[in-house]
Amino acid sequence: MNANRAQQILESSKDIEVKHNGASIWIQNVNSQEGTARVYPRENPDQEMTVHVQELQES
């Protein structure tokens, strides 16, 4: 995925499933300049992490 698509998903009113390493996640914010996103697993909001947007897959 690219940073632009990650931002579109973040801003969407729809529930678009995104996965990171096979786990379903929520995108919290996107840093387009760095090409990263702050995400957390849907089942564990306390487990925030920063990942490269290229590692994200839209389901």
PDB file of N, CA and C in Angstrom:
ATOM      1  N   MET A   1       0.858  -1.162   0.000  1.00  0.00           N
ATOM      2  CA  MET A   1       0.000   0.000   0.000  1.00  0.00           C
ATOM      3  C   MET A   1       0.907   1.229   0.000  1.00  0.00           C
ATOM      4  N   ASN A   2       0.401   2.335  -0.514  1.00  0.00           N
ATOM      5  CA  ASN A   2       1.172   3.567  -0.452  1.00  0.00           C
ATOM      6  C   ASN A   2       0.552   4.517   0.576  1.00  0.00           C
ATOM      7  N   ALA A   3       1.282   5.578   0.909  1.00  0.00           N
ATOM      8  CA  ALA A   3       0.841   6.507   1.949  1.00  0.00           C
ATOM      9  C   ALA A   3      -0.470   7.186   1.579  1.00  0.00           C
ATOM     10  N   ASN A   4      -0.676   7.488   0.305  1.00  0.00           N
ATOM     11  CA  ASN A   4      -1.903   8.141  -0.133  1.00  0.00           C
ATOM     12  C   ASN A   4      -3.119   7.250   0.131  1.00  0.00           C
ATOM     13  N   ARG A   5      -3.003   5.967  -0.201  1.00  0.00           N
ATOM     14  CA  ARG A   5      -4.130   5.046   0.024  1.00  0.00           C
ATOM     15  C   ARG A   5      -4.372   4.857   1.519  1.00  0.00           C
ATOM     16  N   ALA A   6      -3.313   4.765   2.293  1.00  0.00           N
ATOM     17  CA  ALA A   6      -3.467   4.623   3.748  1.00  0.00           C
ATOM     18  C   ALA A   6      -4.212   5.833   4.316  1.00  0.00           C
ATOM     19  N   GLN A   7      -3.906   7.023   3.820  1.00  0.00           N
ATOM     20  CA  GLN A   7      -4.592   8.240   4.274  1.00  0.00           C
ATOM     21  C   GLN A   7      -6.059   8.213   3.859  1.00  0.00           C
ATOM     22  N   GLN A   8      -6.350   7.744   2.653  1.00  0.00           N
ATOM     23  CA  GLN A   8      -7.738   7.636   2.192  1.00  0.00           C
ATOM     24  C   GLN A   8      -8.532   6.691   3.091  1.00  0.00           C
ATOM     25  N   ILE A   9      -7.932   5.574   3.453  1.00  0.00           N
ATOM     26  CA  ILE A   9      -8.601   4.608   4.328  1.00  0.00           C
ATOM     27  C   ILE A   9      -8.842   5.224   5.694  1.00  0.00           C
ATOM     28  N   LEU A  10      -7.848   5.925   6.217  1.00  0.00           N
ATOM     29  CA  LEU A  10      -7.977   6.587   7.514  1.00  0.00           C
ATOM     30  C   LEU A  10      -9.137   7.575   7.519  1.00  0.00           C
ATOM     31  N   GLU A  11      -9.290   8.327   6.443  1.00  0.00           N
ATOM     32  CA  GLU A  11     -10.319   9.364   6.358  1.00  0.00           C
ATOM     33  C   GLU A  11     -11.687   8.831   5.928  1.00  0.00           C
ATOM     34  N   SER A  12     -11.755   7.591   5.505  1.00  0.00           N
ATOM     35  CA  SER A  12     -13.000   7.021   5.010  1.00  0.00           C
ATOM     36  C   SER A  12     -13.994   6.774   6.138  1.00  0.00           C
ATOM     37  N   SER A  13     -15.265   6.959   5.836  1.00  0.00           N
ATOM     38  CA  SER A  13     -16.313   6.649   6.806  1.00  0.00           C
ATOM     39  C   SER A  13     -16.641   5.153   6.785  1.00  0.00           C
ATOM     40  N   LYS A  14     -16.122   4.450   5.778  1.00  0.00           N
ATOM     41  CA  LYS A  14     -16.347   3.009   5.668  1.00  0.00           C
ATOM     42  C   LYS A  14     -15.359   2.243   6.542  1.00  0.00           C
ATOM     43  N   ASP A  15     -15.735   1.038   6.934  1.00  0.00           N
ATOM     44  CA  ASP A  15     -14.853   0.150   7.685  1.00  0.00           C
ATOM     45  C   ASP A  15     -14.080  -0.693   6.668  1.00  0.00           C
ATOM     46  N   ILE A  16     -12.890  -0.242   6.321  1.00  0.00           N
ATOM     47  CA  ILE A  16     -12.054  -0.932   5.344  1.00  0.00           C
ATOM     48  C   ILE A  16     -11.012  -1.736   6.102  1.00  0.00           C
ATOM     49  N   GLU A  17     -11.037  -3.046   5.910  1.00  0.00           N
ATOM     50  CA  GLU A  17     -10.096  -3.885   6.644  1.00  0.00           C
ATOM     51  C   GLU A  17      -8.696  -3.774   6.055  1.00  0.00           C
ATOM     52  N   VAL A  18      -7.734  -3.556   6.943  1.00  0.00           N
ATOM     53  CA  VAL A  18      -6.325  -3.484   6.574  1.00  0.00           C
ATOM     54  C   VAL A  18      -5.579  -4.464   7.459  1.00  0.00           C
ATOM     55  N   LYS A  19      -4.602  -5.137   6.872  1.00  0.00           N
ATOM     56  CA  LYS A  19      -3.821  -6.119   7.638  1.00  0.00           C
ATOM     57  C   LYS A  19      -2.342  -5.773   7.631  1.00  0.00           C
ATOM     58  N   HIS A  20      -1.704  -6.120   8.733  1.00  0.00           N
ATOM     59  CA  HIS A  20      -0.255  -6.004   8.869  1.00  0.00           C
ATOM     60  C   HIS A  20       0.241  -7.341   9.397  1.00  0.00           C
ATOM     61  N   ASN A  21       1.068  -8.006   8.618  1.00  0.00           N
ATOM     62  CA  ASN A  21       1.565  -9.350   8.985  1.00  0.00           C
ATOM     63  C   ASN A  21       0.419 -10.312   9.294  1.00  0.00           C
ATOM     64  N   GLY A  22      -0.664 -10.207   8.535  1.00  0.00           N
ATOM     65  CA  GLY A  22      -1.794 -11.114   8.693  1.00  0.00           C
ATOM     66  C   GLY A  22      -2.786 -10.730   9.767  1.00  0.00           C
ATOM     67  N   ALA A  23      -2.462  -9.715  10.582  1.00  0.00           N
ATOM     68  CA  ALA A  23      -3.364  -9.283  11.657  1.00  0.00           C
ATOM     69  C   ALA A  23      -4.163  -8.064  11.204  1.00  0.00           C
ATOM     70  N   SER A  24      -5.441  -8.050  11.535  1.00  0.00           N
ATOM     71  CA  SER A  24      -6.316  -6.938  11.205  1.00  0.00           C
ATOM     72  C   SER A  24      -5.977  -5.753  12.106  1.00  0.00           C
ATOM     73  N   ILE A  25      -5.764  -4.570  11.487  1.00  0.00           N
ATOM     74  CA  ILE A  25      -5.337  -3.400  12.261  1.00  0.00           C
ATOM     75  C   ILE A  25      -6.190  -2.178  11.922  1.00  0.00           C
ATOM     76  N   TRP A  26      -6.104  -1.174  12.789  1.00  0.00           N
ATOM     77  CA  TRP A  26      -6.669   0.149  12.547  1.00  0.00           C
ATOM     78  C   TRP A  26      -5.515   1.097  12.277  1.00  0.00           C
ATOM     79  N   ILE A  27      -5.692   1.999  11.340  1.00  0.00           N
ATOM     80  CA  ILE A  27      -4.704   3.037  11.079  1.00  0.00           C
ATOM     81  C   ILE A  27      -5.055   4.240  11.945  1.00  0.00           C
ATOM     82  N   GLN A  28      -4.087   4.687  12.730  1.00  0.00           N
ATOM     83  CA  GLN A  28      -4.308   5.827  13.617  1.00  0.00           C
ATOM     84  C   GLN A  28      -3.900   7.136  12.945  1.00  0.00           C
ATOM     85  N   ASN A  29      -2.757   7.140  12.279  1.00  0.00           N
ATOM     86  CA  ASN A  29      -2.341   8.300  11.496  1.00  0.00           C
ATOM     87  C   ASN A  29      -1.301   7.873  10.473  1.00  0.00           C
ATOM     88  N   VAL A  30      -1.071   8.735   9.488  1.00  0.00           N
ATOM     89  CA  VAL A  30      -0.147   8.443   8.395  1.00  0.00           C
ATOM     90  C   VAL A  30       0.860   9.583   8.287  1.00  0.00           C
ATOM     91  N   ASN A  31       2.126   9.230   8.165  1.00  0.00           N
ATOM     92  CA  ASN A  31       3.189  10.204   7.925  1.00  0.00           C
ATOM     93  C   ASN A  31       3.653  10.013   6.483  1.00  0.00           C
ATOM     94  N   SER A  32       3.134  10.836   5.584  1.00  0.00           N
ATOM     95  CA  SER A  32       3.424  10.684   4.157  1.00  0.00           C
ATOM     96  C   SER A  32       4.895  10.916   3.837  1.00  0.00           C
ATOM     97  N   GLN A  33       5.519  11.857   4.531  1.00  0.00           N
ATOM     98  CA  GLN A  33       6.926  12.155   4.270  1.00  0.00           C
ATOM     99  C   GLN A  33       7.827  10.979   4.631  1.00  0.00           C
ATOM    100  N   GLU A  34       7.506  10.290   5.717  1.00  0.00           N
ATOM    101  CA  GLU A  34       8.312   9.156   6.167  1.00  0.00           C
ATOM    102  C   GLU A  34       7.860   7.836   5.531  1.00  0.00           C
ATOM    103  N   GLY A  35       6.630   7.820   4.999  1.00  0.00           N
ATOM    104  CA  GLY A  35       6.089   6.586   4.438  1.00  0.00           C
ATOM    105  C   GLY A  35       5.729   5.584   5.511  1.00  0.00           C
ATOM    106  N   THR A  36       5.295   6.109   6.669  1.00  0.00           N
ATOM    107  CA  THR A  36       4.942   5.239   7.792  1.00  0.00           C
ATOM    108  C   THR A  36       3.517   5.518   8.255  1.00  0.00           C
ATOM    109  N   ALA A  37       2.998   4.605   9.045  1.00  0.00           N
ATOM    110  CA  ALA A  37       1.673   4.763   9.638  1.00  0.00           C
ATOM    111  C   ALA A  37       1.731   4.285  11.083  1.00  0.00           C
ATOM    112  N   ARG A  38       0.986   4.955  11.932  1.00  0.00           N
ATOM    113  CA  ARG A  38       0.825   4.520  13.317  1.00  0.00           C
ATOM    114  C   ARG A  38      -0.426   3.656  13.322  1.00  0.00           C
ATOM    115  N   VAL A  39      -0.292   2.406  13.753  1.00  0.00           N
ATOM    116  CA  VAL A  39      -1.395   1.444  13.703  1.00  0.00           C
ATOM    117  C   VAL A  39      -1.502   0.696  15.021  1.00  0.00           C
ATOM    118  N   TYR A  40      -2.624   0.004  15.194  1.00  0.00           N
ATOM    119  CA  TYR A  40      -2.782  -0.907  16.327  1.00  0.00           C
ATOM    120  C   TYR A  40      -3.740  -2.021  15.936  1.00  0.00           C
ATOM    121  N   PRO A  41      -3.527  -3.211  16.518  1.00  0.00           N
ATOM    122  CA  PRO A  41      -4.419  -4.336  16.220  1.00  0.00           C
ATOM    123  C   PRO A  41      -5.845  -4.015  16.662  1.00  0.00           C
ATOM    124  N   ARG A  42      -6.807  -4.442  15.876  1.00  0.00           N
ATOM    125  CA  ARG A  42      -8.216  -4.196  16.218  1.00  0.00           C
ATOM    126  C   ARG A  42      -8.580  -4.779  17.586  1.00  0.00           C
ATOM    127  N   GLU A  43      -7.983  -5.917  17.929  1.00  0.00           N
ATOM    128  CA  GLU A  43      -8.344  -6.568  19.189  1.00  0.00           C
ATOM    129  C   GLU A  43      -7.499  -6.084  20.369  1.00  0.00           C
ATOM    130  N   ASN A  44      -6.489  -5.232  20.112  1.00  0.00           N
ATOM    131  CA  ASN A  44      -5.629  -4.772  21.194  1.00  0.00           C
ATOM    132  C   ASN A  44      -5.173  -3.324  20.945  1.00  0.00           C
ATOM    133  N   PRO A  45      -6.039  -2.350  21.246  1.00  0.00           N
ATOM    134  CA  PRO A  45      -5.710  -0.951  20.967  1.00  0.00           C
ATOM    135  C   PRO A  45      -4.487  -0.429  21.729  1.00  0.00           C
ATOM    136  N   ASP A  46      -4.092  -1.100  22.783  1.00  0.00           N
ATOM    137  CA  ASP A  46      -2.937  -0.652  23.566  1.00  0.00           C
ATOM    138  C   ASP A  46      -1.611  -1.012  22.902  1.00  0.00           C
ATOM    139  N   GLN A  47      -1.637  -1.812  21.877  1.00  0.00           N
ATOM    140  CA  GLN A  47      -0.414  -2.289  21.221  1.00  0.00           C
ATOM    141  C   GLN A  47      -0.119  -1.461  19.964  1.00  0.00           C
ATOM    142  N   GLU A  48       0.110  -0.168  20.148  1.00  0.00           N
ATOM    143  CA  GLU A  48       0.387   0.721  19.023  1.00  0.00           C
ATOM    144  C   GLU A  48       1.798   0.476  18.486  1.00  0.00           C
ATOM    145  N   MET A  49       1.949   0.673  17.176  1.00  0.00           N
ATOM    146  CA  MET A  49       3.265   0.533  16.563  1.00  0.00           C
ATOM    147  C   MET A  49       3.323   1.385  15.305  1.00  0.00           C
ATOM    148  N   THR A  50       4.529   1.739  14.927  1.00  0.00           N
ATOM    149  CA  THR A  50       4.756   2.475  13.685  1.00  0.00           C
ATOM    150  C   THR A  50       5.315   1.497  12.668  1.00  0.00           C
ATOM    151  N   VAL A  51       4.693   1.455  11.489  1.00  0.00           N
ATOM    152  CA  VAL A  51       5.113   0.523  10.441  1.00  0.00           C
ATOM    153  C   VAL A  51       5.219   1.268   9.121  1.00  0.00           C
ATOM    154  N   HIS A  52       5.950   0.718   8.183  1.00  0.00           N
ATOM    155  CA  HIS A  52       6.011   1.280   6.836  1.00  0.00           C
ATOM    156  C   HIS A  52       4.693   0.962   6.131  1.00  0.00           C
ATOM    157  N   VAL A  53       4.131   1.932   5.438  1.00  0.00           N
ATOM    158  CA  VAL A  53       2.847   1.723   4.765  1.00  0.00           C
ATOM    159  C   VAL A  53       2.934   0.601   3.735  1.00  0.00           C
ATOM    160  N   GLN A  54       4.115   0.331   3.196  1.00  0.00           N
ATOM    161  CA  GLN A  54       4.286  -0.745   2.232  1.00  0.00           C
ATOM    162  C   GLN A  54       4.005  -2.118   2.851  1.00  0.00           C
ATOM    163  N   GLU A  55       4.055  -2.202   4.178  1.00  0.00           N
ATOM    164  CA  GLU A  55       3.781  -3.456   4.877  1.00  0.00           C
ATOM    165  C   GLU A  55       2.282  -3.695   5.078  1.00  0.00           C
ATOM    166  N   LEU A  56       1.461  -2.691   4.779  1.00  0.00           N
ATOM    167  CA  LEU A  56       0.012  -2.803   4.984  1.00  0.00           C
ATOM    168  C   LEU A  56      -0.656  -3.353   3.745  1.00  0.00           C
ATOM    169  N   GLN A  57      -1.670  -4.201   3.980  1.00  0.00           N
ATOM    170  CA  GLN A  57      -2.424  -4.798   2.880  1.00  0.00           C
ATOM    171  C   GLN A  57      -3.905  -4.562   3.089  1.00  0.00           C
ATOM    172  N   GLU A  58      -4.546  -4.058   2.051  1.00  0.00           N
ATOM    173  CA  GLU A  58      -5.998  -3.847   2.104  1.00  0.00           C
ATOM    174  C   GLU A  58      -6.689  -5.172   1.807  1.00  0.00           C
ATOM    175  N   SER A  59      -7.646  -5.525   2.641  1.00  0.00           N
ATOM    176  CA  SER A  59      -8.359  -6.802   2.447  1.00  0.00           C
ATOM    177  C   SER A  59      -9.582  -6.616   1.582  1.00  0.00           C
TER     178      SER A  59
END
